[in-house]
Protein backbone atom coordinates (compact mmCIF):
# COMPACT_ATOMS: atom_id res chain seq x y z
CA MET A 1 76.31 90.03 52.58
CA SER A 2 76.21 86.61 54.17
CA LEU A 3 78.90 84.99 56.28
CA GLU A 4 79.66 81.54 57.53
CA ALA A 5 78.53 80.97 61.10
CA GLY A 6 80.92 82.45 63.64
CA ASP A 7 82.82 84.71 61.23
CA ARG A 8 83.25 88.35 62.11
CA LEU A 9 82.22 91.07 59.74
CA SER A 10 85.18 93.04 58.47
CA ALA A 11 83.23 96.23 57.89
CA VAL A 12 79.84 97.76 58.47
CA ALA A 13 77.46 98.87 55.75
CA ASP A 14 76.94 102.58 55.27
CA GLY A 15 74.59 103.86 57.96
CA GLY A 16 75.68 101.36 60.61
CA ARG A 17 75.62 102.79 64.11
CA ASP A 18 79.24 102.21 65.05
CA SER A 19 82.66 101.70 63.52
CA ALA A 20 82.62 97.96 64.27
CA PRO A 21 79.85 95.35 64.09
CA ARG A 22 77.91 94.57 67.24
CA THR A 23 76.69 91.23 68.52
CA SER A 24 73.68 90.51 70.68
CA PRO A 25 74.00 88.44 73.88
CA TYR A 26 72.55 85.52 71.90
CA HIS A 27 75.35 85.43 69.34
CA ASP A 28 77.05 82.32 70.70
CA ARG A 29 73.70 80.54 70.97
CA GLN A 30 72.91 81.50 67.39
CA ARG A 31 76.29 80.30 66.21
CA ALA A 32 75.68 76.94 67.91
CA LEU A 33 72.52 76.68 65.80
CA ASP A 34 74.58 77.32 62.63
CA ALA A 35 73.28 80.83 62.05
CA VAL A 36 74.24 82.46 58.76
CA PHE A 37 75.21 85.96 59.84
CA TYR A 38 75.02 89.27 58.01
CA ASP A 39 75.18 92.99 58.73
CA THR A 40 71.92 94.69 59.71
CA GLY A 41 72.31 98.33 60.70
CA GLY A 42 75.73 97.68 62.21
CA TRP A 43 74.63 94.56 64.10
CA VAL A 44 75.53 90.96 63.33
CA GLY A 45 72.12 89.48 62.62
CA ALA A 46 71.01 85.98 61.69
CA GLU A 47 69.60 85.57 58.16
CA TRP A 48 68.61 81.95 58.82
CA TYR A 49 69.76 78.92 60.80
CA GLU A 50 71.30 76.00 58.90
CA HIS A 51 70.32 73.89 61.92
CA ASN A 52 66.76 74.05 60.56
CA GLU A 53 67.63 72.60 57.16
CA ARG A 54 67.46 69.13 58.67
CA LEU A 55 63.68 69.60 59.01
CA ALA A 56 63.10 70.64 55.39
CA ALA A 57 62.29 67.11 54.26
CA ASP A 58 59.03 67.40 56.19
CA TYR A 59 57.81 70.14 53.81
CA ASP A 60 57.14 70.63 50.11
CA PHE A 61 59.01 73.81 49.24
CA PRO A 62 59.25 75.09 45.67
CA GLU A 63 62.68 75.24 44.07
CA GLY A 64 64.64 78.47 44.08
CA VAL A 65 62.43 80.65 46.31
CA GLY A 66 65.06 81.27 48.95
CA ALA A 67 68.73 81.03 49.78
CA SER A 68 68.05 78.13 52.13
CA SER A 69 65.25 75.66 52.87
CA ALA A 70 65.70 76.71 56.51
CA VAL A 71 63.76 79.91 55.77
CA GLY A 72 60.61 77.94 55.00
CA VAL A 73 61.10 75.75 58.07
CA GLU A 74 61.41 78.82 60.28
CA HIS A 75 58.38 80.47 58.71
CA LEU A 76 56.08 77.44 59.01
CA GLY A 77 57.51 76.47 62.39
CA THR A 78 56.43 79.85 63.75
CA ARG A 79 52.96 79.40 62.28
CA SER A 80 52.53 75.84 63.62
CA THR A 81 54.37 75.76 66.98
CA VAL A 82 56.56 78.61 68.27
CA GLY A 83 59.49 80.65 66.98
CA CYS A 84 62.27 82.48 68.83
CA TYR A 85 63.58 85.63 67.11
CA ASP A 86 66.45 87.92 68.16
CA LEU A 87 64.99 91.43 68.45
CA THR A 88 68.15 92.99 69.87
CA PRO A 89 69.14 94.88 66.66
CA HIS A 90 65.80 96.68 66.83
CA ARG A 91 66.36 99.96 68.59
CA PRO A 92 64.74 100.76 71.99
CA ILE A 93 64.41 104.51 72.55
CA GLU A 94 63.29 105.88 75.91
CA ILE A 95 61.41 109.18 76.04
CA ARG A 96 61.02 110.65 79.50
CA GLY A 97 60.23 113.92 81.22
CA ARG A 98 57.52 116.17 82.64
CA THR A 99 55.92 116.87 79.24
CA ALA A 100 56.79 113.55 77.59
CA GLY A 101 53.10 112.87 76.89
CA GLU A 102 52.66 116.15 75.03
CA PHE A 103 55.91 115.54 73.15
CA VAL A 104 55.02 112.08 71.86
CA GLN A 105 51.65 113.43 70.72
CA HIS A 106 53.42 116.20 68.82
CA VAL A 107 55.95 113.98 67.03
CA TYR A 108 53.89 110.84 66.35
CA SER A 109 51.09 110.55 63.81
CA ASN A 110 48.65 108.48 65.89
CA ASP A 111 46.56 109.25 68.97
CA MET A 112 49.15 108.88 71.75
CA ASP A 113 46.77 109.39 74.68
CA LEU A 114 47.80 106.09 76.25
CA GLU A 115 47.12 104.60 79.63
CA VAL A 116 50.18 103.20 81.37
CA GLY A 117 50.83 99.87 79.66
CA GLY A 118 49.13 100.89 76.43
CA ILE A 119 50.77 100.44 73.01
CA ARG A 120 50.44 102.31 69.72
CA PHE A 121 51.88 101.80 66.27
CA ALA A 122 52.80 105.30 65.09
CA LEU A 123 54.89 107.14 62.53
CA LEU A 124 57.46 109.91 62.65
CA LEU A 125 56.75 112.25 59.75
CA SER A 126 58.71 115.03 58.14
CA GLU A 127 57.17 118.46 57.64
CA ASP A 128 56.42 117.24 54.10
CA GLY A 129 54.53 114.19 55.40
CA GLY A 130 57.20 111.65 54.47
CA ILE A 131 57.69 108.63 56.74
CA LEU A 132 60.90 109.08 58.76
CA GLY A 133 60.28 106.06 60.96
CA ASP A 134 57.64 103.55 62.06
CA HIS A 135 57.68 102.80 65.79
CA ILE A 136 55.94 100.68 68.36
CA VAL A 137 55.44 103.02 71.34
CA THR A 138 54.37 101.98 74.83
CA ARG A 139 53.78 104.06 77.94
CA LEU A 140 55.83 102.67 80.82
CA ASP A 141 54.65 105.14 83.48
CA ASP A 142 53.27 108.67 83.79
CA GLU A 143 56.36 110.39 82.38
CA ARG A 144 58.15 107.60 80.50
CA TYR A 145 57.64 105.97 77.09
CA LEU A 146 59.56 103.29 75.20
CA ALA A 147 59.69 103.31 71.40
CA ILE A 148 61.01 100.38 69.36
CA ALA A 149 62.52 101.44 66.03
CA SER A 150 63.83 99.66 62.95
CA PRO A 151 67.44 98.42 63.12
CA VAL A 152 68.32 100.09 59.82
CA ASN A 153 66.91 103.52 60.70
CA GLU A 154 69.78 105.63 61.97
CA HIS A 155 68.32 109.10 61.94
CA ASP A 156 65.11 108.79 63.95
CA ILE A 157 66.65 109.16 67.41
CA GLU A 158 68.51 112.31 66.39
CA TRP A 159 65.30 113.65 64.87
CA LEU A 160 63.47 113.03 68.16
CA ARG A 161 66.24 114.71 70.13
CA SER A 162 66.25 117.72 67.85
CA HIS A 163 62.54 118.29 68.47
CA ALA A 164 62.46 117.53 72.21
CA PRO A 165 61.79 120.40 74.63
CA ARG A 166 64.16 121.10 77.50
CA ASP A 167 62.21 119.01 79.99
CA VAL A 168 62.11 115.87 77.81
CA THR A 169 65.06 113.50 77.42
CA VAL A 170 65.45 111.05 74.54
CA ILE A 171 67.75 108.16 75.46
CA ASP A 172 69.21 105.48 73.17
CA ARG A 173 68.73 102.19 75.04
CA ASP A 174 70.08 99.78 72.43
CA SER A 175 73.11 98.92 74.57
CA VAL A 176 70.90 98.43 77.61
CA TYR A 177 68.22 95.99 76.44
CA ALA A 178 68.24 92.64 74.68
CA GLY A 179 65.07 91.47 72.99
CA ILE A 180 63.41 88.21 71.98
CA GLY A 181 60.30 87.75 69.87
CA LEU A 182 58.38 84.72 71.13
CA TRP A 183 55.64 84.06 68.58
CA GLY A 184 53.40 81.18 67.56
CA PRO A 185 50.40 79.14 68.73
CA ASP A 186 52.45 77.67 71.59
CA ALA A 187 54.03 80.95 72.75
CA ARG A 188 51.73 81.25 75.77
CA ALA A 189 52.30 77.61 76.75
CA VAL A 190 56.07 78.13 76.73
CA ALA A 191 55.97 81.39 78.68
CA ARG A 192 53.51 80.05 81.27
CA VAL A 193 56.03 77.47 82.46
CA LEU A 194 58.39 80.29 83.42
CA THR A 195 56.07 82.75 85.15
CA GLU A 196 53.35 83.13 87.75
CA ASN A 197 51.91 86.12 85.90
CA ASP A 198 48.52 85.79 84.24
CA LEU A 199 49.15 85.55 80.48
CA SER A 200 45.53 84.98 79.50
CA ASN A 201 43.65 87.37 77.20
CA SER A 202 41.93 88.95 80.18
CA GLY A 203 45.07 89.08 82.31
CA PHE A 204 47.37 90.31 79.54
CA PRO A 205 45.36 91.84 76.65
CA PHE A 206 46.66 92.29 73.12
CA PHE A 207 48.61 95.51 72.49
CA THR A 208 49.50 96.07 76.15
CA THR A 209 52.77 96.02 78.07
CA GLN A 210 53.52 94.54 81.49
CA ARG A 211 56.62 94.09 83.59
CA ILE A 212 56.81 90.39 84.45
CA ARG A 213 59.36 87.76 85.40
CA LEU A 214 60.18 84.80 83.22
CA GLY A 215 62.26 82.19 84.98
CA GLY A 216 63.41 84.85 87.44
CA VAL A 217 64.43 87.28 84.67
CA PRO A 218 62.87 90.78 84.77
CA VAL A 219 61.14 91.40 81.45
CA THR A 220 59.24 94.25 79.84
CA ALA A 221 56.77 92.15 77.88
CA MET A 222 54.84 93.72 74.99
CA ARG A 223 51.97 91.61 73.71
CA LEU A 224 52.12 92.19 69.99
CA SER A 225 53.32 90.40 66.90
CA ALA A 226 54.50 91.73 63.56
CA VAL A 227 54.29 88.18 62.17
CA GLY A 228 50.58 87.78 62.92
CA GLU A 229 50.72 85.14 65.63
CA LEU A 230 50.09 84.93 69.36
CA GLY A 231 53.13 86.17 71.20
CA TRP A 232 55.22 88.78 72.91
CA GLU A 233 58.23 91.01 72.41
CA LEU A 234 60.35 90.37 75.49
CA TRP A 235 62.88 93.04 76.51
CA THR A 236 65.31 92.52 79.38
CA PRO A 237 68.49 94.20 80.62
CA VAL A 238 71.35 92.91 78.51
CA GLU A 239 73.00 91.14 81.46
CA PHE A 240 69.97 88.83 81.69
CA GLY A 241 69.85 88.17 77.95
CA THR A 242 71.48 84.76 77.78
CA THR A 243 69.55 83.51 80.80
CA LEU A 244 66.26 84.48 79.15
CA TRP A 245 67.28 82.73 75.91
CA ASP A 246 68.38 79.57 77.74
CA ASP A 247 65.24 79.41 79.88
CA LEU A 248 62.96 79.81 76.87
CA TRP A 249 64.84 77.15 74.94
CA ALA A 250 64.81 74.70 77.85
CA VAL A 251 61.00 74.85 77.82
CA GLY A 252 60.54 75.45 74.09
CA ALA A 253 62.30 72.22 73.14
CA ASP A 254 59.22 70.30 74.30
CA TYR A 255 57.10 72.32 71.85
CA GLY A 256 59.34 72.08 68.80
CA MET A 257 60.49 75.70 69.06
CA VAL A 258 62.52 76.93 66.08
CA PRO A 259 65.06 79.75 65.90
CA VAL A 260 63.90 82.36 63.39
CA GLY A 261 66.17 84.50 61.21
CA ASP A 262 65.50 87.74 59.39
CA ARG A 263 64.57 86.10 56.07
CA ALA A 264 61.70 84.19 57.66
CA PHE A 265 60.69 87.22 59.73
CA SER A 266 60.43 89.26 56.55
CA SER A 267 58.37 86.57 54.83
CA LEU A 268 56.01 86.28 57.79
CA THR A 269 55.47 90.05 57.96
CA ALA A 270 54.80 90.26 54.22
CA GLU A 271 51.91 87.80 54.54
CA LYS A 272 50.40 90.04 57.21
CA GLY A 273 50.83 93.24 55.20
CA ASN A 274 53.32 94.74 57.64
CA ARG A 275 55.79 97.19 56.11
CA GLN A 276 59.56 97.37 56.38
CA TRP A 277 61.14 100.77 56.72
CA GLY A 278 64.00 101.14 54.23
CA THR A 279 62.58 98.74 51.62
CA ASP A 280 58.88 99.24 50.92
CA VAL A 281 58.64 102.39 53.07
CA THR A 282 61.03 105.36 53.06
CA ALA A 283 60.93 109.11 53.69
CA GLU A 284 59.79 109.53 50.07
CA GLU A 285 56.35 108.08 50.81
CA THR A 286 53.41 109.38 52.81
CA PRO A 287 51.33 107.08 55.04
CA TYR A 288 48.47 107.09 52.54
CA GLU A 289 50.73 105.98 49.71
CA ALA A 290 52.32 103.25 51.86
CA GLY A 291 49.06 101.77 53.14
CA LEU A 292 49.71 103.07 56.66
CA GLY A 293 46.76 105.40 57.02
CA HIS A 294 45.65 103.35 60.04
CA ALA A 295 48.66 104.78 61.92
CA VAL A 296 47.43 108.36 61.44
CA ASP A 297 44.82 110.14 63.56
CA MET A 298 43.93 113.41 61.87
CA ASP A 299 41.96 114.49 64.96
CA THR A 300 45.28 115.03 66.73
CA ASP A 301 48.03 117.57 66.02
CA PHE A 302 51.43 116.31 64.90
CA ILE A 303 54.39 117.24 62.75
CA GLY A 304 53.49 116.65 59.10
CA LYS A 305 49.70 116.94 59.56
CA ASP A 306 49.38 120.05 57.37
CA ALA A 307 51.24 118.31 54.55
CA LEU A 308 48.99 115.24 54.84
CA GLN A 309 45.89 117.42 54.65
CA ARG A 310 47.19 119.00 51.46
CA HIS A 311 48.12 115.55 50.15
CA LEU A 312 44.62 114.22 50.73
CA ALA A 313 42.97 117.32 49.30
CA GLY A 314 45.02 117.02 46.12
CA GLY A 315 44.32 113.31 45.76
CA VAL A 316 46.62 110.38 46.47
CA GLU A 317 48.12 109.47 43.11
CA ARG A 318 49.96 106.25 43.92
CA THR A 319 49.64 103.35 46.31
CA LEU A 320 51.75 100.45 47.55
CA ALA A 321 50.08 97.47 45.91
CA CYS A 322 50.46 93.82 46.88
CA LEU A 323 50.94 91.61 43.82
CA MET A 324 50.61 87.83 43.63
CA LEU A 325 52.00 85.73 40.80
CA ASP A 326 49.30 83.95 38.84
CA GLY A 327 49.77 80.21 39.38
CA VAL A 328 53.58 80.33 39.68
CA ARG A 329 55.51 79.24 42.78
CA SER A 330 58.30 81.75 42.40
CA VAL A 331 59.54 85.15 43.60
CA PRO A 332 60.15 88.09 41.24
CA ASP A 333 63.32 90.13 41.54
CA VAL A 334 63.39 93.46 43.33
CA GLY A 335 63.70 96.10 40.62
CA ALA A 336 61.64 94.16 38.07
CA ASP A 337 59.16 96.24 36.07
CA VAL A 338 55.44 96.17 36.69
CA ARG A 339 53.61 96.60 33.39
CA THR A 340 50.27 96.82 31.78
CA ASP A 341 50.12 95.51 28.22
CA GLY A 342 51.48 98.82 27.01
CA GLU A 343 53.65 100.58 29.62
CA VAL A 344 55.78 100.31 32.73
CA ILE A 345 53.79 101.63 35.70
CA GLY A 346 56.05 100.67 38.61
CA THR A 347 58.95 98.57 39.90
CA ILE A 348 59.11 95.86 42.54
CA VAL A 349 60.41 97.31 45.83
CA ARG A 350 60.09 94.14 47.95
CA SER A 351 59.45 90.50 47.19
CA GLU A 352 59.03 87.47 49.45
CA TYR A 353 57.77 83.92 49.31
CA GLY A 354 54.70 83.38 51.48
CA PHE A 355 55.23 79.85 52.74
CA SER A 356 51.88 79.78 54.58
CA ILE A 357 49.93 80.71 51.46
CA ASP A 358 52.41 78.95 49.13
CA GLU A 359 52.69 81.90 46.75
CA GLY A 360 55.15 84.59 45.78
CA ILE A 361 54.44 88.09 47.09
CA ALA A 362 55.66 91.36 45.59
CA PHE A 363 55.10 95.02 46.44
CA SER A 364 55.19 97.99 44.07
CA TYR A 365 54.09 101.61 44.14
CA LEU A 366 51.51 101.93 41.37
CA PRO A 367 49.20 104.68 40.12
CA THR A 368 46.07 104.44 42.25
CA GLU A 369 43.91 103.42 39.28
CA TYR A 370 45.91 100.17 39.11
CA GLY A 371 45.89 99.48 42.86
CA ASP A 372 42.45 97.94 43.23
CA PRO A 373 42.31 94.24 44.20
CA GLY A 374 41.70 92.07 41.17
CA THR A 375 43.67 94.24 38.72
CA SER A 376 45.68 92.06 36.32
CA LEU A 377 49.24 93.15 35.47
CA PHE A 378 52.62 91.74 34.45
CA ILE A 379 55.95 91.61 36.29
CA GLU A 380 58.85 91.60 33.88
CA GLY A 381 62.57 91.16 34.50
CA PRO A 382 65.51 90.66 32.13
CA GLU A 383 64.73 86.96 31.72
CA THR A 384 61.29 86.50 33.27
CA ARG A 385 57.72 87.59 32.71
CA TYR A 386 54.92 86.72 35.11
CA SER A 387 51.22 87.36 35.07
CA ALA A 388 50.24 88.96 38.37
CA ILE A 389 47.15 90.18 40.15
CA VAL A 390 46.69 92.87 42.80
CA ARG A 391 45.44 91.39 46.06
CA ALA A 392 43.86 92.86 49.19
CA GLU A 393 45.90 92.66 52.38
CA PRO A 394 46.51 90.89 54.65
CA LEU A 395 47.03 87.72 52.67
CA PHE A 396 47.08 85.50 55.75
CA ASP A 397 44.64 85.42 58.70
CA VAL A 398 42.43 88.10 57.16
CA LYS A 399 40.33 88.62 60.33
CA ASN A 400 43.47 88.83 62.53
CA ASP A 401 42.23 86.05 64.80
CA ARG A 402 45.55 84.30 65.43
CA PRO A 403 47.28 86.95 67.60
CA LEU A 404 44.17 87.25 69.79
CA VAL A 405 43.73 83.65 70.95
């Protein structure tokens, strides 16, 4: 549900963390930028910023592809200059203790043998191999890790706690940290004004974490980007949150920095082939069905490995396919059928408009024989029928050059 800027949610959706909605330290700043608020996992998040609609005349957006032209502005602004995104609803989870390293290896699907400052993208799997959560995990020191989880995933921290040995503690840090995603070609230029730390590729490599100061604010900076651009996830104690926001905006104004809401974030991640837990990925899918096999290292031992071995031995029967509309600047509805000429073979589980590629994007679980790039299909709703083609991912920046500059 959407709300006018500044309104308070009257209730939380099922699965929200608390009995009342929560606001990040940036809420007043977001409201001043005419944020359209909604409920995301019990938090008041920003869908988009009406402040950005004033810039829409500079672009050629197709009709009817989004609730607001601001979404396209935020998307393309991130690609061309720099975007500022509120990460606070994403859930920081600290894992600490004498055998924390052994524990994270046991519960996560990837190789978790990390140096201090290293980062992995890894999955929590059920005994049946289903995806319970997708986390970014970094090693803060010898006995301490920080995992960043989806804002809508309520059960993963309890699952971690239920599997932790006596000498490992799992701590919910989502009331402790505030986060900002600073992403785009000018992200380094903005951050450099505020720090004496070396932010170059050699001084701060991709997929590593460092503790730095930005404008005097202590920050755990993670150099990664779900949107496929140069940038960092910046986490700071909540009491420094507004100072970090204000300092970034004071510098970012000279670079045309745009505030980025969840609609644009989702569109940006779709172009890069990054999944969203709760929409295109749930506990019903295995990593190999969801296109997340790169987050699994079968040379390690982890919960769910035996089920994945059986799954692979029996043959993966379906795959999450990326579909593009053939010559139509539109977005199909979630729930629309995916068809061959003769039968329904899937339904749309996620759809976005890719403003960088200027095409509609849709995702559907299809029988593997229909998942090869180049396969022609149809997407059919109650009042629409589109020709579509399966495409290889990612759709944007295929060689992944942009985050590495």
